C-alpha atoms as a PDB file:
ATOM      1  CA  MET A   1      77.674  82.526  21.341  1.00  0.00           C
ATOM      2  CA  LYS A   2      76.953  79.452  18.970  1.00  0.00           C
ATOM      3  CA  PHE A   3      77.652  77.144  21.848  1.00  0.00           C
ATOM      4  CA  LYS A   4      75.158  78.976  23.958  1.00  0.00           C
ATOM      5  CA  VAL A   5      72.360  78.948  21.411  1.00  0.00           C
ATOM      6  CA  LEU A   6      73.102  75.210  20.896  1.00  0.00           C
ATOM      7  CA  PHE A   7      73.224  74.480  24.248  1.00  0.00           C
ATOM      8  CA  PHE A   8      69.797  76.328  24.772  1.00  0.00           C
ATOM      9  CA  ILE A   9      68.125  74.313  21.907  1.00  0.00           C
ATOM     10  CA  PHE A  10      69.626  70.960  23.295  1.00  0.00           C
ATOM     11  CA  THR A  11      67.925  72.048  26.836  1.00  0.00           C
ATOM     12  CA  ILE A  12      64.548  72.652  25.433  1.00  0.00           C
ATOM     13  CA  ILE A  13      64.711  69.431  23.129  1.00  0.00           C
ATOM     14  CA  ASN A  14      65.748  67.495  26.505  1.00  0.00           C
ATOM     15  CA  VAL A  15      62.916  69.097  28.494  1.00  0.00           C
ATOM     16  CA  ILE A  16      60.415  68.441  25.704  1.00  0.00           C
ATOM     17  CA  THR A  17      61.446  64.822  25.548  1.00  0.00           C
ATOM     18  CA  ALA A  18      61.459  64.283  29.282  1.00  0.00           C
ATOM     19  CA  THR A  19      57.886  65.728  29.348  1.00  0.00           C
ATOM     20  CA  GLY A  20      56.736  63.516  26.578  1.00  0.00           C
ATOM     21  CA  GLN A  21      58.153  60.411  28.300  1.00  0.00           C
ATOM     22  CA  LYS A  22      56.438  60.672  31.604  1.00  0.00           C
ATOM     23  CA  SER A  23      53.295  59.609  32.899  1.00  0.00           C
ATOM     24  CA  LEU A  24      50.600  62.106  33.987  1.00  0.00           C
ATOM     25  CA  GLU A  25      47.505  62.023  35.962  1.00  0.00           C
ATOM     26  CA  ILE A  26      45.172  64.997  35.691  1.00  0.00           C
ATOM     27  CA  ILE A  27      42.212  65.728  37.908  1.00  0.00           C
ATOM     28  CA  TYR A  28      39.362  67.844  36.497  1.00  0.00           C
ATOM     29  CA  LYS A  29      36.234  69.380  38.083  1.00  0.00           C
ATOM     30  CA  VAL A  30      33.488  71.610  37.167  1.00  0.00           C
ATOM     31  CA  PRO A  31      34.189  75.068  38.495  1.00  0.00           C
ATOM     32  CA  LYS A  32      31.782  77.133  40.409  1.00  0.00           C
ATOM     33  CA  VAL A  33      29.626  79.154  38.026  1.00  0.00           C
ATOM     34  CA  ASP A  34      29.532  82.967  38.223  1.00  0.00           C
ATOM     35  CA  PHE A  35      26.203  83.900  37.343  1.00  0.00           C
ATOM     36  CA  SER A  36      26.922  87.492  36.742  1.00  0.00           C
ATOM     37  CA  TYR A  37      27.001  86.646  32.984  1.00  0.00           C
ATOM     38  CA  GLN A  38      23.291  86.707  32.750  1.00  0.00           C
ATOM     39  CA  LYS A  39      23.345  90.522  32.940  1.00  0.00           C
ATOM     40  CA  GLN A  40      25.212  90.438  29.676  1.00  0.00           C
ATOM     41  CA  ASN A  41      23.159  87.976  28.096  1.00  0.00           C
ATOM     42  CA  LYS A  42      20.579  89.047  25.707  1.00  0.00           C
ATOM     43  CA  LYS A  43      18.289  86.245  26.277  1.00  0.00           C
ATOM     44  CA  LYS A  44      16.524  85.962  29.671  1.00  0.00           C
ATOM     45  CA  ILE A  45      17.182  82.997  31.628  1.00  0.00           C
ATOM     46  CA  SER A  46      14.243  81.748  33.744  1.00  0.00           C
ATOM     47  CA  ALA A  47      14.576  81.145  37.632  1.00  0.00           C
ATOM     48  CA  TYR A  48      14.086  77.358  37.105  1.00  0.00           C
ATOM     49  CA  THR A  49      16.956  77.376  34.597  1.00  0.00           C
ATOM     50  CA  GLN A  50      19.208  79.027  37.233  1.00  0.00           C
ATOM     51  CA  LEU A  51      18.070  76.839  40.049  1.00  0.00           C
ATOM     52  CA  VAL A  52      18.868  73.762  37.599  1.00  0.00           C
ATOM     53  CA  GLU A  53      22.474  75.039  36.778  1.00  0.00           C
ATOM     54  CA  ARG A  54      23.186  76.094  40.414  1.00  0.00           C
ATOM     55  CA  LYS A  55      22.166  72.654  41.562  1.00  0.00           C
ATOM     56  CA  THR A  56      24.095  70.890  38.979  1.00  0.00           C
ATOM     57  CA  ASN A  57      27.231  72.682  39.388  1.00  0.00           C
ATOM     58  CA  GLU A  58      26.658  72.010  43.291  1.00  0.00           C
ATOM     59  CA  TYR A  59      26.596  68.559  42.942  1.00  0.00           C
ATOM     60  CA  ALA A  60      29.300  68.373  40.125  1.00  0.00           C
ATOM     61  CA  GLN A  61      31.919  70.149  42.780  1.00  0.00           C
ATOM     62  CA  PRO A  62      32.588  66.680  44.581  1.00  0.00           C
ATOM     63  CA  MET A  63      33.316  64.818  41.438  1.00  0.00           C
ATOM     64  CA  ASP A  64      36.790  64.251  40.293  1.00  0.00           C
ATOM     65  CA  PHE A  65      37.085  63.280  36.614  1.00  0.00           C
ATOM     66  CA  ILE A  66      40.403  61.715  36.082  1.00  0.00           C
ATOM     67  CA  LEU A  67      42.745  61.367  32.940  1.00  0.00           C
ATOM     68  CA  LYS A  68      45.719  59.080  33.247  1.00  0.00           C
ATOM     69  CA  VAL A  69      48.440  59.630  30.180  1.00  0.00           C
ATOM     70  CA  ASN A  70      51.527  57.816  29.087  1.00  0.00           C
ATOM     71  CA  PRO A  71      53.501  58.842  26.027  1.00  0.00           C
ATOM     72  CA  ASN A  72      51.165  57.017  23.466  1.00  0.00           C
ATOM     73  CA  GLU A  73      47.751  56.296  25.367  1.00  0.00           C
ATOM     74  CA  SER A  74      45.136  57.826  27.778  1.00  0.00           C
ATOM     75  CA  TYR A  75      42.462  56.543  30.112  1.00  0.00           C
ATOM     76  CA  TYR A  76      39.620  58.923  31.221  1.00  0.00           C
ATOM     77  CA  TYR A  77      37.058  58.077  33.940  1.00  0.00           C
ATOM     78  CA  MET A  78      34.837  59.544  36.839  1.00  0.00           C
ATOM     79  CA  ALA A  79      36.429  58.757  40.301  1.00  0.00           C
ATOM     80  CA  ASP A  80      34.240  57.299  43.134  1.00  0.00           C
ATOM     81  CA  PHE A  81      31.332  59.772  43.855  1.00  0.00           C
ATOM     82  CA  LEU A  82      28.823  59.729  46.724  1.00  0.00           C
ATOM     83  CA  PRO A  83      25.908  62.038  45.982  1.00  0.00           C
ATOM     84  CA  PRO A  84      24.517  64.279  48.527  1.00  0.00           C
ATOM     85  CA  GLU A  85      21.999  63.035  50.936  1.00  0.00           C
ATOM     86  CA  ASN A  86      19.104  65.287  49.739  1.00  0.00           C
ATOM     87  CA  TRP A  87      19.851  64.756  45.911  1.00  0.00           C
ATOM     88  CA  GLU A  88      17.650  65.227  43.000  1.00  0.00           C
ATOM     89  CA  SER A  89      18.468  62.247  40.553  1.00  0.00           C
ATOM     90  CA  ASN A  90      17.967  64.364  37.507  1.00  0.00           C
ATOM     91  CA  MET A  91      20.473  67.096  38.662  1.00  0.00           C
ATOM     92  CA  VAL A  92      23.006  64.371  39.767  1.00  0.00           C
ATOM     93  CA  ILE A  93      22.809  62.664  36.350  1.00  0.00           C
ATOM     94  CA  MET A  94      23.159  66.010  34.674  1.00  0.00           C
ATOM     95  CA  ALA A  95      26.168  66.765  36.701  1.00  0.00           C
ATOM     96  CA  LYS A  96      27.774  63.530  35.740  1.00  0.00           C
ATOM     97  CA  TYR A  97      26.930  63.935  32.183  1.00  0.00           C
ATOM     98  CA  LEU A  98      28.658  67.396  32.059  1.00  0.00           C
ATOM     99  CA  GLY A  99      32.009  65.569  32.987  1.00  0.00           C
ATOM    100  CA  ALA A 100      30.985  62.503  30.889  1.00  0.00           C
ATOM    101  CA  GLY A 101      30.717  60.644  33.953  1.00  0.00           C
ATOM    102  CA  PHE A 102      28.925  57.854  32.390  1.00  0.00           C
ATOM    103  CA  TYR A 103      31.572  56.891  30.087  1.00  0.00           C
ATOM    104  CA  LYS A 104      35.204  55.696  30.167  1.00  0.00           C
ATOM    105  CA  TYR A 105      37.396  56.615  27.493  1.00  0.00           C
ATOM    106  CA  TYR A 106      40.707  55.035  25.862  1.00  0.00           C
ATOM    107  CA  GLN A 107      42.778  56.905  23.409  1.00  0.00           C
ATOM    108  CA  SER A 108      45.771  55.694  21.501  1.00  0.00           C
ATOM    109  CA  LYS A 109      48.191  57.986  19.666  1.00  0.00           C
ATOM    110  CA  SER A 110      49.872  54.986  17.672  1.00  0.00           C
ATOM    111  CA  GLY A 111      46.439  53.287  16.916  1.00  0.00           C
ATOM    112  CA  ASN A 112      44.923  56.815  16.182  1.00  0.00           C
ATOM    113  CA  LYS A 113      41.761  55.402  17.868  1.00  0.00           C
ATOM    114  CA  ILE A 114      39.267  56.427  20.608  1.00  0.00           C
ATOM    115  CA  LEU A 115      37.026  53.607  22.461  1.00  0.00           C
ATOM    116  CA  ARG A 116      34.114  54.741  24.749  1.00  0.00           C
ATOM    117  CA  GLN A 117      32.933  52.317  26.987  1.00  0.00           C
ATOM    118  CA  PHE A 118      29.435  52.386  28.575  1.00  0.00           C
ATOM    119  CA  LYS A 119      26.582  50.287  29.969  1.00  0.00           C
ATOM    120  CA  GLU A 120      23.213  50.372  28.317  1.00  0.00           C
ATOM    121  CA  ARG A 121      20.174  48.294  29.462  1.00  0.00           C
ATOM    122  CA  GLY A 122      22.496  45.867  31.272  1.00  0.00           C
ATOM    123  CA  LYS A 123      24.941  45.354  28.559  1.00  0.00           C
ATOM    124  CA  TRP A 124      28.359  46.856  28.126  1.00  0.00           C
ATOM    125  CA  PHE A 125      29.270  48.467  24.752  1.00  0.00           C
ATOM    126  CA  ILE A 126      32.512  49.798  23.339  1.00  0.00           C
ATOM    127  CA  GLY A 127      32.076  52.883  20.784  1.00  0.00           C
ATOM    128  CA  ASP A 128      34.809  52.601  18.325  1.00  0.00           C
ATOM    129  CA  ASP A 129      35.909  55.754  16.534  1.00  0.00           C
ATOM    130  CA  SER A 130      38.944  57.554  15.173  1.00  0.00           C
ATOM    131  CA  LEU A 131      41.000  60.525  16.826  1.00  0.00           C
ATOM    132  CA  ASN A 132      40.520  62.091  13.607  1.00  0.00           C
ATOM    133  CA  GLY A 133      36.619  62.004  13.728  1.00  0.00           C
ATOM    134  CA  ASP A 134      34.551  65.020  13.581  1.00  0.00           C
ATOM    135  CA  ARG A 135      34.817  65.791  17.429  1.00  0.00           C
ATOM    136  CA  ASN A 136      38.487  66.201  16.914  1.00  0.00           C
ATOM    137  CA  HIS A 137      38.669  68.777  14.074  1.00  0.00           C
ATOM    138  CA  TRP A 138      40.091  71.832  15.389  1.00  0.00           C
ATOM    139  CA  ARG A 139      40.834  75.344  14.429  1.00  0.00           C
ATOM    140  CA  ILE A 140      43.766  76.748  16.658  1.00  0.00           C
ATOM    141  CA  THR A 141      43.443  80.346  17.597  1.00  0.00           C
ATOM    142  CA  GLN A 142      45.867  82.787  18.801  1.00  0.00           C
ATOM    143  CA  ILE A 143      43.950  83.282  22.247  1.00  0.00           C
ATOM    144  CA  THR A 144      46.048  82.148  25.138  1.00  0.00           C
ATOM    145  CA  ASP A 145      45.538  82.022  29.050  1.00  0.00           C
ATOM    146  CA  THR A 146      47.363  80.092  31.760  1.00  0.00           C
ATOM    147  CA  ILE A 147      45.927  77.037  33.890  1.00  0.00           C
ATOM    148  CA  LEU A 148      48.065  75.530  36.663  1.00  0.00           C
ATOM    149  CA  GLY A 149      51.186  77.555  35.509  1.00  0.00           C
ATOM    150  CA  HIS A 150      51.126  76.154  31.916  1.00  0.00           C
ATOM    151  CA  LYS A 151      50.675  78.427  29.011  1.00  0.00           C
ATOM    152  CA  VAL A 152      47.200  77.107  26.959  1.00  0.00           C
ATOM    153  CA  ILE A 153      46.027  77.854  23.639  1.00  0.00           C
ATOM    154  CA  LYS A 154      42.317  78.034  22.757  1.00  0.00           C
ATOM    155  CA  ALA A 155      41.059  75.561  19.940  1.00  0.00           C
ATOM    156  CA  VAL A 156      37.676  75.894  18.400  1.00  0.00           C
ATOM    157  CA  ASN A 157      35.983  72.675  17.097  1.00  0.00           C
ATOM    158  CA  LYS A 158      35.208  73.096  13.394  1.00  0.00           C
ATOM    159  CA  ASP A 159      32.097  71.027  13.331  1.00  0.00           C
ATOM    160  CA  ARG A 160      30.792  72.587  16.816  1.00  0.00           C
ATOM    161  CA  PRO A 161      31.920  76.040  16.725  1.00  0.00           C
ATOM    162  CA  LYS A 162      30.491  76.783  20.585  1.00  0.00           C
ATOM    163  CA  LEU A 163      32.876  74.009  21.752  1.00  0.00           C
ATOM    164  CA  ALA A 164      36.274  75.039  22.648  1.00  0.00           C
ATOM    165  CA  VAL A 165      39.184  73.519  24.378  1.00  0.00           C
ATOM    166  CA  TRP A 166      42.408  74.971  25.821  1.00  0.00           C
ATOM    167  CA  PHE A 167      45.529  72.837  25.366  1.00  0.00           C
ATOM    168  CA  ALA A 168      49.192  73.201  26.820  1.00  0.00           C
ATOM    169  CA  PRO A 169      51.871  73.075  24.275  1.00  0.00           C
ATOM    170  CA  ASP A 170      54.520  72.194  26.833  1.00  0.00           C
ATOM    171  CA  LEU A 171      52.617  68.914  27.632  1.00  0.00           C
ATOM    172  CA  PRO A 172      53.113  67.590  24.396  1.00  0.00           C
ATOM    173  CA  VAL A 173      50.647  64.614  24.496  1.00  0.00           C
ATOM    174  CA  PRO A 174      47.460  64.707  22.092  1.00  0.00           C
ATOM    175  CA  PHE A 175      44.963  63.901  24.719  1.00  0.00           C
ATOM    176  CA  GLY A 176      42.257  65.291  26.643  1.00  0.00           C
ATOM    177  CA  PRO A 177      39.059  64.707  29.084  1.00  0.00           C
ATOM    178  CA  MET A 178      35.859  63.185  27.315  1.00  0.00           C
ATOM    179  CA  GLY A 179      37.844  61.790  24.338  1.00  0.00           C
ATOM    180  CA  TYR A 180      38.861  65.068  22.693  1.00  0.00           C
ATOM    181  CA  GLY A 181      42.361  65.149  21.537  1.00  0.00           C
ATOM    182  CA  ASN A 182      44.265  65.322  18.323  1.00  0.00           C
ATOM    183  CA  LEU A 183      46.000  68.647  19.251  1.00  0.00           C
ATOM    184  CA  PRO A 184      49.714  69.440  19.832  1.00  0.00           C
ATOM    185  CA  GLY A 185      49.528  69.550  23.467  1.00  0.00           C
ATOM    186  CA  LEU A 186      47.421  68.194  26.678  1.00  0.00           C
ATOM    187  CA  ILE A 187      44.021  69.669  26.896  1.00  0.00           C
ATOM    188  CA  LEU A 188      43.485  71.213  30.489  1.00  0.00           C
ATOM    189  CA  LYS A 189      40.059  72.711  29.709  1.00  0.00           C
ATOM    190  CA  LYS A 190      36.771  72.321  27.739  1.00  0.00           C
ATOM    191  CA  GLU A 191      33.940  74.654  27.429  1.00  0.00           C
ATOM    192  CA  ILE A 192      30.703  75.383  25.527  1.00  0.00           C
ATOM    193  CA  GLU A 193      30.075  78.962  24.927  1.00  0.00           C
ATOM    194  CA  ASN A 194      27.108  80.166  27.030  1.00  0.00           C
ATOM    195  CA  MET A 195      26.887  77.223  29.016  1.00  0.00           C
ATOM    196  CA  PRO A 196      28.766  77.798  32.129  1.00  0.00           C
ATOM    197  CA  THR A 197      27.965  74.379  33.856  1.00  0.00           C
ATOM    198  CA  THR A 198      29.602  72.547  30.819  1.00  0.00           C
ATOM    199  CA  VAL A 199      33.095  74.054  31.763  1.00  0.00           C
ATOM    200  CA  LEU A 200      35.486  71.259  32.705  1.00  0.00           C
ATOM    201  CA  VAL A 201      39.033  72.337  33.941  1.00  0.00           C
ATOM    202  CA  ALA A 202      42.007  70.611  35.329  1.00  0.00           C
ATOM    203  CA  GLN A 203      42.831  71.360  39.100  1.00  0.00           C
ATOM    204  CA  LYS A 204      45.773  69.179  39.641  1.00  0.00           C
ATOM    205  CA  ILE A 205      48.569  67.504  37.648  1.00  0.00           C
ATOM    206  CA  ILE A 206      50.356  64.696  39.073  1.00  0.00           C
ATOM    207  CA  TYR A 207      53.709  63.603  37.308  1.00  0.00           C
ATOM    208  CA  TYR A 208      55.219  60.192  37.203  1.00  0.00           C
ATOM    209  CA  ASN A 209      58.815  59.382  36.282  1.00  0.00           C
ATOM    210  CA  LYS A 210      57.889  56.103  34.732  1.00  0.00           C
ATOM    211  CA  PRO A 211      55.380  55.553  32.200  1.00  0.00           C
ATOM    212  CA  PHE A 212      52.532  53.381  33.542  1.00  0.00           C
ATOM    213  CA  LYS A 213      50.547  50.808  31.432  1.00  0.00           C
ATOM    214  CA  ILE A 214      47.260  51.696  30.130  1.00  0.00           C
ATOM    215  CA  GLN A 215      45.163  48.928  28.420  1.00  0.00           C
ATOM    216  CA  PRO A 216      42.491  49.322  26.018  1.00  0.00           C
ATOM    217  CA  PHE A 217      38.779  48.103  26.831  1.00  0.00           C
ATOM    218  CA  THR A 218      37.986  44.478  26.276  1.00  0.00           C
ATOM    219  CA  LYS A 219      34.629  44.020  28.092  1.00  0.00           C
ATOM    220  CA  GLY A 220      31.550  45.061  25.820  1.00  0.00           C
ATOM    221  CA  LYS A 221      30.422  44.540  22.241  1.00  0.00           C
ATOM    222  CA  ILE A 222      32.360  46.779  19.904  1.00  0.00           C
ATOM    223  CA  GLU A 223      30.407  49.204  17.717  1.00  0.00           C
ATOM    224  CA  SER A 224      31.128  52.059  15.551  1.00  0.00           C
ATOM    225  CA  GLU A 225      29.868  55.528  16.723  1.00  0.00           C
ATOM    226  CA  ALA A 226      27.681  55.649  13.566  1.00  0.00           C
ATOM    227  CA  ASP A 227      26.004  52.309  14.590  1.00  0.00           C
ATOM    228  CA  ILE A 228      25.562  53.443  18.184  1.00  0.00           C
ATOM    229  CA  ARG A 229      23.775  56.729  16.914  1.00  0.00           C
ATOM    230  CA  ALA A 230      21.518  54.703  14.712  1.00  0.00           C
ATOM    231  CA  ARG A 231      20.553  52.113  17.578  1.00  0.00           C
ATOM    232  CA  ASN A 232      19.741  55.068  19.735  1.00  0.00           C
ATOM    233  CA  LEU A 233      17.563  56.557  17.181  1.00  0.00           C
ATOM    234  CA  ARG A 234      15.732  53.575  16.492  1.00  0.00           C
ATOM    235  CA  GLY A 235      15.141  53.413  20.379  1.00  0.00           C
ATOM    236  CA  ALA A 236      13.790  56.924  20.330  1.00  0.00           C
ATOM    237  CA  ILE A 237      11.336  55.980  17.489  1.00  0.00           C
ATOM    238  CA  GLU A 238      10.415  52.897  19.240  1.00  0.00           C
ATOM    239  CA  MET A 239       9.683  54.900  22.331  1.00  0.00           C
ATOM    240  CA  GLN A 240       7.501  57.739  20.533  1.00  0.00           C
ATOM    241  CA  LYS A 241       5.394  54.945  18.962  1.00  0.00           C
ATOM    242  CA  ARG A 242       4.928  53.249  22.281  1.00  0.00           C
ATOM    243  CA  PHE A 243       3.879  56.289  23.880  1.00  0.00           C
ATOM    244  CA  GLY A 244       1.705  57.469  21.170  1.00  0.00           C
ATOM    245  CA  LYS A 245      -0.500  54.576  21.405  1.00  0.00           C
ATOM    246  CA  HIS A 246      -1.811  55.699  24.842  1.00  0.00           C
END
């Protein structure tokens, strides 16, 4: 009996270790929206809002958002995307924004870092923040589900209670899309309460036997997230002053 118990424990450890040593490629999409939720919604949603959400979701469908993971690092980006012929730019932009298509993310477990690369006014920037920043403070619940055959557990953000993610403990890497992470398992789904088009869910997981290399960003001026927010605020104030003169 003891031998069977020890063998079972040894097998579980081997499975976890093997899974942790693999490289993964996860493909995420914004799923189709079921608008029946509006019947239970206390607030009336305008026809225009429904149109925007439908069109945004429609344009988001062909977009693949990819997360590459090795045991210590991850890289998140949007795959090549060709917009529809008759597209409305603001809705395509919104669809990209929902999946963080404007940004590329690098995360490091060993360095406890998250880097966000983006282009602004023709210049490249790298936002530097910690995996323990406010975007990754979680309260793990007892609510579970299944995604792609993996049991997932819901975690709610302590600083943004409407933001929730679902992570898979059997994929023991602390990464996820859009720079989210710092949980005991890979994030397979991200959602915001009462905003169906902000759902991002894993559609496919590709397993690699050998870890592939992931390099941190080198192109761009490095700034802290606080500095970026301050610069964006100054830009918004300048725009208000400029338009206020006319």
